[in-house]
Amino acid sequence: MSGPGVVSSFQKKGKTKVVSIPGTRPSIHNSQLLLSCGIPSLDYLIGGGLPVGSIILIEQDRYDVYSKLFLKYFLAEGVMNNHMLTLASLDVPPQAITSDLPAPTDTEPEEVSAASKQMTIAWRYQSKTSQPKTSVGNRFGHNYDLTKSMGTELTSNIDMALWDGSELEEGRGMLKNKNYWSLLQVIKKRIESSNLATSSNKAKTNVLRLGLHSVGSPLWGSEFGYQEKDHKWQSLTTFLFMLRALVRTSFSVCMVTVPAHLFTDPALLLRLQALADFVVRLESFQGSEKETNPVFKDYHGLFHIVKLAAINSLVPPILDSTDWVFKLKRRKLTIERLHLPPELSETVNRNQEDPLNKPIGLSCIGGNLPKNLDF
């Protein structure tokens, strides 16, 4: 019904105002605020970046070599954007991780000269454009050089909190573990003191990056002694559940690494994967049979994408491939598509004059037809 004095309840929806924070950008799909993980190829795989309020779970490689690099990239990107940082670790001193962050560089670390790009197969192919690289990436974030460490002049001005379990509080409620409870209290105080909670009416000018290293290892509690046998793991799952509640209701992102190879209970990994938004698994070739396999000679491990989140959307990002690998070059870590070499059988090198493999000729062009044909 329309007419004078009647006000329609339908209103045109205006554009959503996106918060502008240094080091972030809105998603082109749903305007979700994204942060870079520090590795452009990883940003591409998870949909353009890590959404604010989400948790990415990394299942460590067996020797915790490459998963630690992922964490260093994540923290280094926070330093370059002046984000608030919180690093927690009981297996390695947090100071040892922050003192070895990769140094930023203005150019690609693996950049090659134009002279080395010339093709040497044939001179007529030199005018052809080169094929696109197998690595995927977008220009979001900074470039880093693993051969150099970030100077203290960059990290000294960052609001960074390091937690090593030296100050513990008694657990409460369902979370009896002192380590997990104390870490949660540190994170909660950081969020409240900086007004990063979504319930706060103050304008948001920064985000909090949480880096939790090797959570669930034997140093975090006594669960390996008795709770693993009973398939409980109550403290670890409760901690991740409460951590997700803190992250989801604040302007913060979290990267958690867990030693999945130490968990003998398969149900535990399923629960952890359900509590995280993004889950990736690193399968290093170090110490395995694949290390000497010629198929994987150019790579250092398989990169398994276990779970992708659908935040503010109906479906998660759709990837154009399912097989991914990671490669540690001299100066950087990249994630690429797995390209297997062509499979050449022994018959390829057979003599061309073999009468059994001669093509059947046609009499009209001078070919000789075989006398006996087998059907």
Protein backbone atom coordinates (compact mmCIF):
# COMPACT_ATOMS: atom_id res chain seq x y z
CA MET A 1 0.00 0.00 0.00
CA SER A 2 1.32 3.37 -0.95
CA GLY A 3 0.10 6.91 -0.61
CA PRO A 4 0.71 10.12 1.26
CA GLY A 5 1.67 9.61 4.86
CA VAL A 6 2.72 5.98 4.34
CA VAL A 7 6.43 5.26 4.97
CA SER A 8 7.90 2.20 3.28
CA SER A 9 9.97 -0.16 5.42
CA PHE A 10 12.24 -1.02 2.50
CA GLN A 11 15.44 0.98 2.43
CA LYS A 12 18.35 0.89 0.04
CA LYS A 13 21.32 -0.79 1.61
CA GLY A 14 24.36 1.43 1.63
CA LYS A 15 27.99 0.42 1.38
CA THR A 16 29.48 -1.24 4.43
CA LYS A 17 32.12 0.85 6.11
CA VAL A 18 35.38 -1.07 6.30
CA VAL A 19 37.84 -0.38 9.11
CA SER A 20 41.15 0.91 7.81
CA ILE A 21 44.12 -0.48 9.75
CA PRO A 22 47.74 -0.46 8.52
CA GLY A 23 48.73 -3.84 7.16
CA THR A 24 45.16 -4.93 6.41
CA ARG A 25 42.89 -4.85 3.40
CA PRO A 26 39.27 -5.83 2.72
CA SER A 27 38.52 -9.02 0.87
CA ILE A 28 37.27 -8.57 -2.69
CA HIS A 29 34.67 -11.27 -2.08
CA ASN A 30 32.96 -10.28 1.18
CA SER A 31 34.78 -7.15 2.49
CA GLN A 32 36.19 -9.21 5.36
CA LEU A 33 39.29 -7.55 6.84
CA LEU A 34 42.38 -9.60 5.91
CA LEU A 35 45.96 -9.73 7.16
CA SER A 36 48.96 -11.20 5.41
CA CYS A 37 50.61 -14.31 6.84
CA GLY A 38 53.97 -13.11 5.55
CA ILE A 39 54.05 -15.73 2.77
CA PRO A 40 52.22 -14.53 -0.38
CA SER A 41 51.57 -18.06 -1.63
CA LEU A 42 49.92 -19.01 1.68
CA ASP A 43 47.76 -15.87 1.52
CA TYR A 44 46.56 -16.94 -1.91
CA LEU A 45 45.66 -20.46 -0.78
CA ILE A 46 43.52 -19.32 2.16
CA GLY A 47 41.53 -16.80 0.12
CA GLY A 48 43.70 -13.69 -0.06
CA GLY A 49 44.84 -13.46 3.55
CA LEU A 50 44.03 -14.38 7.11
CA PRO A 51 40.67 -12.89 8.21
CA VAL A 52 40.58 -10.88 11.41
CA GLY A 53 39.11 -12.99 14.18
CA SER A 54 40.27 -16.34 12.81
CA ILE A 55 42.73 -19.08 13.85
CA ILE A 56 45.06 -20.97 11.53
CA LEU A 57 46.32 -24.32 12.84
CA ILE A 58 49.59 -25.69 11.46
CA GLU A 59 50.37 -29.35 12.05
CA GLN A 60 54.13 -29.30 12.48
CA ASP A 61 56.63 -31.31 10.51
CA ARG A 62 58.42 -33.98 12.51
CA TYR A 63 61.52 -31.91 13.31
CA ASP A 64 59.75 -28.55 13.62
CA VAL A 65 61.98 -26.91 11.04
CA TYR A 66 59.57 -25.53 8.47
CA SER A 67 56.60 -24.90 10.79
CA LYS A 68 58.83 -22.58 12.82
CA LEU A 69 59.60 -20.67 9.61
CA PHE A 70 55.88 -20.16 9.01
CA LEU A 71 55.59 -18.69 12.50
CA LYS A 72 58.58 -16.38 11.92
CA TYR A 73 57.07 -15.07 8.69
CA PHE A 74 53.81 -14.41 10.52
CA LEU A 75 55.55 -12.44 13.27
CA ALA A 76 57.83 -10.58 10.86
CA GLU A 77 54.83 -9.32 8.92
CA GLY A 78 53.39 -8.01 12.17
CA VAL A 79 56.60 -6.15 12.95
CA MET A 80 56.64 -4.49 9.53
CA ASN A 81 53.05 -3.27 10.00
CA ASN A 82 53.53 -2.21 13.63
CA HIS A 83 50.94 -4.70 14.88
CA MET A 84 50.71 -5.85 18.47
CA LEU A 85 52.42 -9.22 18.95
CA THR A 86 52.09 -11.98 21.52
CA LEU A 87 54.38 -15.00 21.25
CA ALA A 88 54.07 -18.02 23.53
CA SER A 89 56.35 -21.06 23.61
CA LEU A 90 57.51 -23.62 26.15
CA ASP A 91 59.67 -25.76 23.87
CA VAL A 92 61.87 -22.90 22.63
CA PRO A 93 62.57 -19.60 24.40
CA PRO A 94 60.41 -16.93 22.73
CA GLN A 95 63.43 -14.62 22.60
CA ALA A 96 65.20 -17.12 20.35
CA ILE A 97 62.36 -16.94 17.83
CA THR A 98 61.98 -13.16 17.80
CA SER A 99 65.74 -12.60 17.52
CA ASP A 100 65.87 -14.63 14.31
CA LEU A 101 63.03 -13.11 12.31
CA PRO A 102 63.75 -12.74 8.57
CA ALA A 103 64.87 -9.30 7.43
CA PRO A 104 62.67 -7.34 4.99
CA THR A 105 63.88 -6.65 1.47
CA ASP A 106 62.63 -4.35 -1.25
CA THR A 107 62.98 -6.90 -4.05
CA GLU A 108 62.20 -10.55 -4.54
CA PRO A 109 64.91 -12.59 -2.80
CA GLU A 110 65.17 -15.02 -5.69
CA GLU A 111 65.18 -12.35 -8.37
CA VAL A 112 67.32 -13.28 -11.38
CA SER A 113 68.86 -11.08 -14.00
CA ALA A 114 67.43 -10.65 -17.47
CA ALA A 115 70.50 -12.25 -19.02
CA SER A 116 69.98 -15.49 -17.09
CA LYS A 117 66.36 -15.68 -18.25
CA GLN A 118 67.31 -16.13 -21.91
CA MET A 119 66.43 -19.54 -23.22
CA THR A 120 69.33 -21.64 -24.44
CA ILE A 121 67.30 -24.33 -26.21
CA ALA A 122 67.04 -22.56 -29.54
CA TRP A 123 67.58 -19.00 -30.64
CA ARG A 124 64.09 -18.69 -32.11
CA TYR A 125 62.49 -19.28 -28.68
CA GLN A 126 64.21 -16.31 -27.07
CA SER A 127 61.53 -13.95 -28.33
CA LYS A 128 58.78 -15.99 -26.66
CA THR A 129 57.41 -14.89 -23.34
CA SER A 130 58.35 -17.07 -20.42
CA GLN A 131 55.81 -19.35 -18.82
CA PRO A 132 54.26 -18.20 -15.55
CA LYS A 133 55.88 -19.46 -12.40
CA THR A 134 54.47 -22.48 -10.66
CA SER A 135 54.34 -20.61 -7.39
CA VAL A 136 51.21 -18.63 -6.74
CA GLY A 137 51.05 -15.36 -4.94
CA ASN A 138 49.63 -11.90 -4.77
CA ARG A 139 51.29 -8.66 -3.91
CA PHE A 140 50.08 -8.42 -0.34
CA GLY A 141 52.59 -8.10 2.43
CA HIS A 142 56.37 -7.73 2.36
CA ASN A 143 59.30 -9.66 0.97
CA TYR A 144 61.81 -11.23 3.34
CA ASP A 145 65.32 -12.60 3.13
CA LEU A 146 65.97 -15.70 5.23
CA THR A 147 69.73 -15.24 5.05
CA LYS A 148 69.49 -12.05 7.13
CA SER A 149 67.94 -11.40 10.52
CA MET A 150 65.71 -8.47 11.35
CA GLY A 151 67.53 -5.79 13.30
CA THR A 152 66.61 -4.71 16.79
CA GLU A 153 65.80 -1.22 15.52
CA LEU A 154 62.60 -2.67 14.04
CA THR A 155 61.54 -5.00 16.85
CA SER A 156 62.37 -2.64 19.72
CA ASN A 157 59.48 -0.29 18.92
CA ILE A 158 56.83 -3.04 18.68
CA ASP A 159 54.28 -3.71 21.41
CA MET A 160 55.37 -7.31 21.92
CA ALA A 161 54.62 -9.68 24.79
CA LEU A 162 56.66 -12.88 25.22
CA TRP A 163 55.26 -15.71 27.35
CA ASP A 164 57.47 -18.60 28.45
CA GLY A 165 55.45 -19.99 31.36
CA SER A 166 57.54 -18.33 34.04
CA GLU A 167 54.49 -16.73 35.67
CA LEU A 168 51.65 -19.16 36.22
CA GLU A 169 48.22 -18.99 37.84
CA GLU A 170 46.11 -21.82 39.16
CA GLY A 171 43.63 -23.14 36.64
CA ARG A 172 39.92 -22.64 37.14
CA GLY A 173 36.70 -24.24 36.03
CA MET A 174 37.11 -26.72 33.21
CA LEU A 175 40.68 -25.59 32.53
CA LYS A 176 42.86 -27.01 35.29
CA ASN A 177 46.11 -26.79 33.37
CA LYS A 178 48.20 -23.88 34.70
CA ASN A 179 49.99 -23.18 31.43
CA TYR A 180 46.87 -22.95 29.30
CA TRP A 181 44.97 -20.90 31.87
CA SER A 182 47.81 -18.42 32.42
CA LEU A 183 48.29 -17.89 28.69
CA LEU A 184 44.60 -17.21 28.22
CA GLN A 185 44.69 -14.57 30.95
CA VAL A 186 47.64 -12.85 29.27
CA ILE A 187 45.81 -12.76 25.93
CA LYS A 188 42.59 -11.54 27.53
CA LYS A 189 44.37 -8.68 29.33
CA ARG A 190 46.13 -7.66 26.13
CA ILE A 191 42.82 -7.45 24.28
CA GLU A 192 41.06 -5.52 27.04
CA SER A 193 43.88 -3.05 27.72
CA SER A 194 44.15 -2.16 24.01
CA ASN A 195 40.37 -1.91 23.44
CA LEU A 196 40.55 -4.51 20.68
CA ALA A 197 37.33 -6.27 21.70
CA THR A 198 34.47 -5.96 19.21
CA SER A 199 32.20 -4.85 22.07
CA SER A 200 34.36 -1.76 22.62
CA ASN A 201 33.03 1.41 21.01
CA LYS A 202 36.47 2.93 20.49
CA ALA A 203 37.84 3.09 16.96
CA LYS A 204 40.19 0.27 16.09
CA THR A 205 43.63 1.37 14.93
CA ASN A 206 45.60 -1.86 15.39
CA VAL A 207 45.29 -5.63 15.50
CA LEU A 208 46.82 -8.29 17.73
CA ARG A 209 48.82 -11.14 16.22
CA LEU A 210 49.05 -14.24 18.40
CA GLY A 211 51.78 -16.78 17.72
CA LEU A 212 51.54 -19.98 19.78
CA HIS A 213 54.38 -22.41 19.19
CA SER A 214 54.13 -26.20 19.64
CA VAL A 215 50.97 -26.14 21.74
CA GLY A 216 50.13 -29.57 23.14
CA SER A 217 53.70 -30.81 23.45
CA PRO A 218 54.68 -32.73 26.62
CA LEU A 219 56.07 -29.52 28.16
CA TRP A 220 52.58 -27.98 28.27
CA GLY A 221 51.23 -30.42 30.85
CA SER A 222 50.82 -33.96 32.06
CA GLU A 223 48.21 -34.98 29.51
CA PHE A 224 50.63 -37.35 27.84
CA GLY A 225 50.79 -39.28 31.09
CA TYR A 226 47.19 -40.21 31.74
CA GLN A 227 44.67 -38.23 29.71
CA GLU A 228 45.94 -39.51 26.38
CA LYS A 229 45.34 -43.09 27.48
CA ASP A 230 41.75 -42.23 28.35
CA HIS A 231 41.26 -40.27 25.09
CA LYS A 232 40.32 -37.12 26.98
CA TRP A 233 42.76 -34.30 26.28
CA GLN A 234 40.34 -32.01 28.07
CA SER A 235 42.77 -29.17 28.78
CA LEU A 236 44.04 -28.81 25.20
CA THR A 237 40.63 -28.83 23.54
CA THR A 238 39.15 -26.54 26.20
CA PHE A 239 42.03 -24.12 25.75
CA LEU A 240 41.57 -23.95 21.99
CA PHE A 241 37.81 -23.50 22.42
CA MET A 242 38.29 -20.58 24.80
CA LEU A 243 41.04 -19.13 22.63
CA ARG A 244 38.71 -19.16 19.65
CA ALA A 245 36.11 -17.25 21.65
CA LEU A 246 38.66 -14.55 22.50
CA VAL A 247 39.94 -14.25 18.94
CA ARG A 248 36.50 -14.23 17.34
CA THR A 249 35.29 -11.36 19.54
CA SER A 250 38.32 -9.13 19.02
CA PHE A 251 40.51 -7.61 16.34
CA SER A 252 43.13 -10.33 16.50
CA VAL A 253 44.42 -13.27 14.50
CA CYS A 254 46.18 -16.37 15.74
CA MET A 255 48.64 -18.89 14.32
CA VAL A 256 48.95 -22.09 16.35
CA THR A 257 51.44 -24.87 15.65
CA VAL A 258 50.87 -28.31 17.18
CA PRO A 259 53.11 -31.43 17.13
CA ALA A 260 50.51 -33.61 15.44
CA HIS A 261 53.01 -36.46 14.94
CA LEU A 262 53.08 -36.95 18.73
CA PHE A 263 49.32 -37.46 19.03
CA THR A 264 48.34 -41.11 19.00
CA ASP A 265 44.64 -40.39 19.43
CA PRO A 266 43.12 -39.69 15.98
CA ALA A 267 40.00 -38.24 17.58
CA LEU A 268 42.10 -35.46 19.11
CA LEU A 269 43.19 -34.14 15.71
CA LEU A 270 39.60 -34.14 14.52
CA ARG A 271 38.55 -32.03 17.50
CA LEU A 272 41.42 -29.60 17.02
CA GLN A 273 40.65 -29.27 13.32
CA ALA A 274 37.01 -28.56 14.13
CA LEU A 275 37.97 -25.77 16.55
CA ALA A 276 40.31 -24.01 14.09
CA ASP A 277 39.26 -21.99 11.05
CA PHE A 278 42.15 -22.96 8.76
CA VAL A 279 44.16 -26.17 9.09
CA VAL A 280 47.29 -27.07 7.10
CA ARG A 281 49.70 -29.95 7.57
CA LEU A 282 53.40 -29.95 6.73
CA GLU A 283 54.88 -33.28 5.65
CA SER A 284 58.63 -32.85 5.45
CA PHE A 285 60.75 -35.16 3.32
CA GLN A 286 63.56 -34.95 5.86
CA GLY A 287 64.38 -38.41 7.18
CA SER A 288 61.82 -40.18 4.97
CA GLU A 289 62.01 -42.26 1.79
CA LYS A 290 60.66 -39.36 -0.25
CA GLU A 291 63.84 -37.41 0.45
CA THR A 292 65.72 -39.59 -2.07
CA ASN A 293 62.82 -40.01 -4.48
CA PRO A 294 63.70 -38.31 -7.79
CA VAL A 295 60.08 -37.23 -8.18
CA PHE A 296 60.41 -34.84 -5.22
CA LYS A 297 64.04 -33.81 -5.74
CA ASP A 298 63.09 -30.14 -6.26
CA TYR A 299 60.92 -29.87 -3.15
CA HIS A 300 61.30 -30.17 0.62
CA GLY A 301 57.86 -31.40 1.65
CA LEU A 302 54.17 -31.78 0.92
CA PHE A 303 51.75 -29.04 1.89
CA HIS A 304 48.35 -30.50 2.81
CA ILE A 305 45.33 -28.20 3.01
CA VAL A 306 43.07 -29.88 5.55
CA LYS A 307 40.45 -27.18 6.13
CA LEU A 308 39.53 -23.79 4.71
CA ALA A 309 37.13 -21.49 6.53
CA ALA A 310 33.95 -19.97 5.12
CA ILE A 311 33.85 -16.70 7.06
CA ASN A 312 31.11 -14.28 5.97
CA SER A 313 30.48 -16.51 2.95
CA LEU A 314 28.61 -19.67 2.07
CA VAL A 315 31.56 -21.68 0.76
CA PRO A 316 35.32 -21.64 1.44
CA PRO A 317 37.81 -20.60 -1.24
CA ILE A 318 37.96 -23.01 -4.17
CA LEU A 319 41.48 -23.94 -5.25
CA ASP A 320 42.50 -24.90 -8.76
CA SER A 321 44.69 -27.77 -7.53
CA THR A 322 44.80 -30.30 -4.71
CA ASP A 323 48.49 -31.21 -4.69
CA TRP A 324 50.82 -28.62 -3.17
CA VAL A 325 54.44 -28.68 -2.05
CA PHE A 326 56.72 -26.28 -0.24
CA LYS A 327 60.26 -25.44 -1.21
CA LEU A 328 62.90 -23.75 0.90
CA LYS A 329 65.10 -21.79 -1.42
CA ARG A 330 68.25 -20.04 -0.33
CA ARG A 331 66.45 -16.90 0.75
CA LYS A 332 62.73 -17.62 0.96
CA LEU A 333 60.05 -20.25 1.49
CA THR A 334 57.43 -20.77 -1.21
CA ILE A 335 54.40 -22.98 -1.75
CA GLU A 336 53.95 -24.34 -5.27
CA ARG A 337 51.82 -26.72 -7.24
CA LEU A 338 53.19 -30.23 -7.48
CA HIS A 339 54.36 -30.93 -11.02
CA LEU A 340 55.46 -34.51 -11.58
CA PRO A 341 58.02 -35.27 -14.30
CA PRO A 342 56.77 -37.09 -17.44
CA GLU A 343 56.71 -40.85 -17.11
CA LEU A 344 58.90 -42.32 -19.87
CA SER A 345 58.74 -46.06 -20.39
CA GLU A 346 61.42 -48.25 -21.93
CA THR A 347 59.55 -48.48 -25.25
CA VAL A 348 60.23 -44.79 -25.90
CA ASN A 349 63.90 -45.48 -26.59
CA ARG A 350 63.24 -48.44 -28.85
CA ASN A 351 64.97 -48.39 -32.19
CA GLN A 352 62.96 -46.64 -34.86
CA GLU A 353 63.86 -49.35 -37.36
CA ASP A 354 62.12 -52.04 -35.34
CA PRO A 355 59.80 -53.72 -37.88
CA LEU A 356 57.26 -54.47 -35.17
CA ASN A 357 56.75 -50.77 -34.54
CA LYS A 358 56.74 -49.66 -38.17
CA PRO A 359 53.60 -47.75 -39.11
CA ILE A 360 51.31 -49.45 -41.56
CA GLY A 361 51.94 -47.81 -44.88
CA LEU A 362 49.47 -47.25 -47.68
CA SER A 363 50.03 -48.72 -51.13
CA CYS A 364 49.02 -45.47 -52.78
CA ILE A 365 52.03 -43.70 -51.30
CA GLY A 366 54.46 -46.53 -51.74
CA GLY A 367 54.00 -48.19 -48.39
CA ASN A 368 54.19 -51.95 -47.91
CA LEU A 369 51.21 -53.62 -46.31
CA PRO A 370 51.90 -56.59 -44.02
CA LYS A 371 50.91 -59.96 -45.48
CA ASN A 372 49.44 -61.37 -42.27
CA LEU A 373 47.06 -59.27 -40.17
CA ASP A 374 46.14 -60.31 -36.67
CA PHE A 375 42.72 -59.28 -35.44
